[in-house]
Amino acid sequence: MLTHVKVMATLFIAFGALFVVGAFAVMLIFGAGAASVGLSGDPDAEFAMPIIGLAGTGLAIFLLLLGVPGIITGIGLLKLQPWARILGIVLCAINLINVPFGTLMGAYGLWVLLNNETERLFASRRDVPL
C-alpha cells in the first residue's frame, strides 16, 4: 500500500501545482487585459479596469485555495504524516464532484487512504518520534 500512498501524494502535488500555475496564468491574463483596456483610451475604461482586476484576483485566489491544500497534503503523505491522511480523505471526498478526473482521483484516493493496511502504515508512523 505504500506505493499507492506515494502515487496519491504525487497526484495531489501534480494537480495542486496545476492549480497554482493556473492562478498565476489568470493573474497574468487578467492583468494584461486590464492594462490593454486602460491603454485603449476609451472613457469607460476607468470603470472597467477595476472590475477586470477584481475578477482576475478573485479567480486567482480561488485557484490558489484549491491548489495549495493539495500540495501540502501531497508532501504530508510522502512523509506519512497522520494529519495528511485525514486531510487527503477530506480532499478526495470533495474531489468526487469534479467529473471526470476529480471523481477518478477521489475514488482512488478514498480506496487508498481508507484501506486498513494504509491506516496501519500511518499508525506505525505516529509511534516514530519526529
C-alpha atoms as a PDB file:
ATOM      1  CA  MET A   1       0.000   0.000   0.000  1.00  0.00           C
ATOM      2  CA  LEU A   2       2.980   2.305   0.424  1.00  0.00           C
ATOM      3  CA  THR A   3       3.269   2.539  -3.366  1.00  0.00           C
ATOM      4  CA  HIS A   4      -0.372   3.608  -3.642  1.00  0.00           C
ATOM      5  CA  VAL A   5       0.139   6.274  -0.964  1.00  0.00           C
ATOM      6  CA  LYS A   6       3.137   7.623  -2.896  1.00  0.00           C
ATOM      7  CA  VAL A   7       1.104   7.667  -6.124  1.00  0.00           C
ATOM      8  CA  MET A   8      -1.710   9.511  -4.330  1.00  0.00           C
ATOM      9  CA  ALA A   9       0.786  12.018  -2.911  1.00  0.00           C
ATOM     10  CA  THR A  10       2.223  12.606  -6.372  1.00  0.00           C
ATOM     11  CA  LEU A  11      -1.269  13.149  -7.791  1.00  0.00           C
ATOM     12  CA  PHE A  12      -2.081  15.672  -5.059  1.00  0.00           C
ATOM     13  CA  ILE A  13       1.148  17.568  -5.714  1.00  0.00           C
ATOM     14  CA  ALA A  14       0.730  17.471  -9.514  1.00  0.00           C
ATOM     15  CA  PHE A  15      -2.888  18.645  -9.543  1.00  0.00           C
ATOM     16  CA  GLY A  16      -2.148  21.253  -6.866  1.00  0.00           C
ATOM     17  CA  ALA A  17       0.761  22.568  -8.909  1.00  0.00           C
ATOM     18  CA  LEU A  18      -1.501  22.808 -11.968  1.00  0.00           C
ATOM     19  CA  PHE A  19      -3.951  24.933  -9.990  1.00  0.00           C
ATOM     20  CA  VAL A  20      -1.140  27.195  -8.726  1.00  0.00           C
ATOM     21  CA  VAL A  21       0.251  27.625 -12.254  1.00  0.00           C
ATOM     22  CA  GLY A  22      -3.300  28.326 -13.432  1.00  0.00           C
ATOM     23  CA  ALA A  23      -3.673  31.004 -10.756  1.00  0.00           C
ATOM     24  CA  PHE A  24      -0.530  32.760 -11.969  1.00  0.00           C
ATOM     25  CA  ALA A  25      -1.698  32.473 -15.575  1.00  0.00           C
ATOM     26  CA  VAL A  26      -5.048  34.014 -14.646  1.00  0.00           C
ATOM     27  CA  MET A  27      -3.287  36.888 -12.888  1.00  0.00           C
ATOM     28  CA  LEU A  28      -1.126  37.460 -15.951  1.00  0.00           C
ATOM     29  CA  ILE A  29      -4.029  37.286 -18.413  1.00  0.00           C
ATOM     30  CA  PHE A  30      -6.383  39.483 -16.405  1.00  0.00           C
ATOM     31  CA  GLY A  31      -3.574  41.941 -15.642  1.00  0.00           C
ATOM     32  CA  ALA A  32      -2.727  42.238 -19.328  1.00  0.00           C
ATOM     33  CA  GLY A  33      -6.433  42.598 -20.118  1.00  0.00           C
ATOM     34  CA  ALA A  34      -6.870  45.380 -17.581  1.00  0.00           C
ATOM     35  CA  ALA A  35      -3.763  47.124 -18.882  1.00  0.00           C
ATOM     36  CA  SER A  36      -4.902  46.910 -22.502  1.00  0.00           C
ATOM     37  CA  VAL A  37      -8.332  48.268 -21.566  1.00  0.00           C
ATOM     38  CA  GLY A  38      -6.649  51.107 -19.705  1.00  0.00           C
ATOM     39  CA  LEU A  39      -4.468  51.950 -22.704  1.00  0.00           C
ATOM     40  CA  SER A  40      -7.410  51.882 -25.112  1.00  0.00           C
ATOM     41  CA  GLY A  41      -8.320  55.493 -24.473  1.00  0.00           C
ATOM     42  CA  ASP A  42     -11.990  54.637 -24.021  1.00  0.00           C
ATOM     43  CA  PRO A  43     -13.678  56.817 -21.382  1.00  0.00           C
ATOM     44  CA  ASP A  44     -15.417  53.757 -19.913  1.00  0.00           C
ATOM     45  CA  ALA A  45     -12.044  52.101 -19.293  1.00  0.00           C
ATOM     46  CA  GLU A  46     -11.789  53.719 -15.857  1.00  0.00           C
ATOM     47  CA  PHE A  47     -14.936  51.852 -14.885  1.00  0.00           C
ATOM     48  CA  ALA A  48     -13.918  48.517 -16.450  1.00  0.00           C
ATOM     49  CA  MET A  49     -10.316  48.263 -15.207  1.00  0.00           C
ATOM     50  CA  PRO A  50     -11.109  47.672 -11.507  1.00  0.00           C
ATOM     51  CA  ILE A  51     -13.805  45.139 -12.406  1.00  0.00           C
ATOM     52  CA  ILE A  52     -11.380  43.175 -14.574  1.00  0.00           C
ATOM     53  CA  GLY A  53      -8.724  43.369 -11.865  1.00  0.00           C
ATOM     54  CA  LEU A  54     -11.092  42.227  -9.110  1.00  0.00           C
ATOM     55  CA  ALA A  55     -12.439  39.369 -11.226  1.00  0.00           C
ATOM     56  CA  GLY A  56      -8.911  38.186 -12.018  1.00  0.00           C
ATOM     57  CA  THR A  57      -7.781  38.492  -8.414  1.00  0.00           C
ATOM     58  CA  GLY A  58     -10.824  36.607  -7.159  1.00  0.00           C
ATOM     59  CA  LEU A  59     -10.346  33.798  -9.652  1.00  0.00           C
ATOM     60  CA  ALA A  60      -6.623  33.562  -8.867  1.00  0.00           C
ATOM     61  CA  ILE A  61      -7.304  33.388  -5.122  1.00  0.00           C
ATOM     62  CA  PHE A  62      -9.935  30.706  -5.731  1.00  0.00           C
ATOM     63  CA  LEU A  63      -7.461  28.628  -7.757  1.00  0.00           C
ATOM     64  CA  LEU A  64      -4.795  29.044  -5.073  1.00  0.00           C
ATOM     65  CA  LEU A  65      -7.271  27.931  -2.407  1.00  0.00           C
ATOM     66  CA  LEU A  66      -7.899  24.797  -4.456  1.00  0.00           C
ATOM     67  CA  GLY A  67      -4.242  24.055  -5.230  1.00  0.00           C
ATOM     68  CA  VAL A  68      -2.234  24.820  -2.108  1.00  0.00           C
ATOM     69  CA  PRO A  69      -4.020  22.330   0.209  1.00  0.00           C
ATOM     70  CA  GLY A  70      -3.355  19.575  -2.352  1.00  0.00           C
ATOM     71  CA  ILE A  71       0.357  20.355  -2.413  1.00  0.00           C
ATOM     72  CA  ILE A  72       0.518  20.427   1.384  1.00  0.00           C
ATOM     73  CA  THR A  73      -1.393  17.144   1.579  1.00  0.00           C
ATOM     74  CA  GLY A  74       0.871  15.506  -1.001  1.00  0.00           C
ATOM     75  CA  ILE A  75       4.006  16.479   0.886  1.00  0.00           C
ATOM     76  CA  GLY A  76       2.474  15.229   4.145  1.00  0.00           C
ATOM     77  CA  LEU A  77       1.510  11.923   2.536  1.00  0.00           C
ATOM     78  CA  LEU A  78       5.048  11.428   1.255  1.00  0.00           C
ATOM     79  CA  LYS A  79       6.284  11.870   4.830  1.00  0.00           C
ATOM     80  CA  LEU A  80       3.500   9.556   6.113  1.00  0.00           C
ATOM     81  CA  GLN A  81       2.118  12.216   8.428  1.00  0.00           C
ATOM     82  CA  PRO A  82      -1.170  11.098  10.058  1.00  0.00           C
ATOM     83  CA  TRP A  83      -2.780  14.543   9.588  1.00  0.00           C
ATOM     84  CA  ALA A  84      -2.126  14.287   5.833  1.00  0.00           C
ATOM     85  CA  ARG A  85      -4.150  11.077   5.633  1.00  0.00           C
ATOM     86  CA  ILE A  86      -7.159  12.799   7.223  1.00  0.00           C
ATOM     87  CA  LEU A  87      -6.792  15.889   5.021  1.00  0.00           C
ATOM     88  CA  GLY A  88      -6.371  13.629   1.981  1.00  0.00           C
ATOM     89  CA  ILE A  89      -9.619  11.820   2.786  1.00  0.00           C
ATOM     90  CA  VAL A  90     -11.449  15.151   3.036  1.00  0.00           C
ATOM     91  CA  LEU A  91      -9.958  16.445  -0.235  1.00  0.00           C
ATOM     92  CA  CYS A  92     -10.744  13.173  -2.027  1.00  0.00           C
ATOM     93  CA  ALA A  93     -14.354  13.330  -0.858  1.00  0.00           C
ATOM     94  CA  ILE A  94     -14.618  16.909  -2.149  1.00  0.00           C
ATOM     95  CA  ASN A  95     -12.961  15.896  -5.443  1.00  0.00           C
ATOM     96  CA  LEU A  96     -15.698  13.357  -6.149  1.00  0.00           C
ATOM     97  CA  ILE A  97     -17.891  16.138  -7.585  1.00  0.00           C
ATOM     98  CA  ASN A  98     -15.245  17.178 -10.141  1.00  0.00           C
ATOM     99  CA  VAL A  99     -16.199  14.964 -13.077  1.00  0.00           C
ATOM    100  CA  PRO A 100     -14.281  13.140 -14.627  1.00  0.00           C
ATOM    101  CA  PHE A 101     -10.707  13.472 -13.304  1.00  0.00           C
ATOM    102  CA  GLY A 102     -11.607  14.572  -9.783  1.00  0.00           C
ATOM    103  CA  THR A 103     -14.056  11.695  -9.492  1.00  0.00           C
ATOM    104  CA  LEU A 104     -11.394   9.191 -10.525  1.00  0.00           C
ATOM    105  CA  MET A 105      -8.782  10.708  -8.225  1.00  0.00           C
ATOM    106  CA  GLY A 106     -11.270  10.987  -5.352  1.00  0.00           C
ATOM    107  CA  ALA A 107     -12.439   7.383  -5.652  1.00  0.00           C
ATOM    108  CA  TYR A 108      -8.878   6.078  -5.932  1.00  0.00           C
ATOM    109  CA  GLY A 109      -7.760   8.253  -3.022  1.00  0.00           C
ATOM    110  CA  LEU A 110     -10.593   7.104  -0.796  1.00  0.00           C
ATOM    111  CA  TRP A 111      -9.789   3.480  -1.628  1.00  0.00           C
ATOM    112  CA  VAL A 112      -6.117   4.042  -0.792  1.00  0.00           C
ATOM    113  CA  LEU A 113      -6.492   6.213   2.298  1.00  0.00           C
ATOM    114  CA  LEU A 114      -9.379   4.296   3.897  1.00  0.00           C
ATOM    115  CA  ASN A 115      -7.690   0.914   3.458  1.00  0.00           C
ATOM    116  CA  ASN A 116      -6.871  -0.935   6.704  1.00  0.00           C
ATOM    117  CA  GLU A 117      -3.284  -1.502   5.617  1.00  0.00           C
ATOM    118  CA  THR A 118      -2.834   2.218   4.953  1.00  0.00           C
ATOM    119  CA  GLU A 119      -4.306   3.029   8.346  1.00  0.00           C
ATOM    120  CA  ARG A 120      -1.758   0.703   9.998  1.00  0.00           C
ATOM    121  CA  LEU A 121       1.013   2.293   7.912  1.00  0.00           C
ATOM    122  CA  PHE A 122       0.153   5.759   9.201  1.00  0.00           C
ATOM    123  CA  ALA A 123      -0.450   4.485  12.752  1.00  0.00           C
ATOM    124  CA  SER A 124       3.054   2.995  12.849  1.00  0.00           C
ATOM    125  CA  ARG A 125       4.391   6.360  11.663  1.00  0.00           C
ATOM    126  CA  ARG A 126       2.614   8.030  14.579  1.00  0.00           C
ATOM    127  CA  ASP A 127       4.709   5.973  17.009  1.00  0.00           C
ATOM    128  CA  VAL A 128       8.012   7.161  15.499  1.00  0.00           C
ATOM    129  CA  PRO A 129       9.361  10.368  17.120  1.00  0.00           C
ATOM    130  CA  LEU A 130       9.945  13.284  14.812  1.00  0.00           C
END
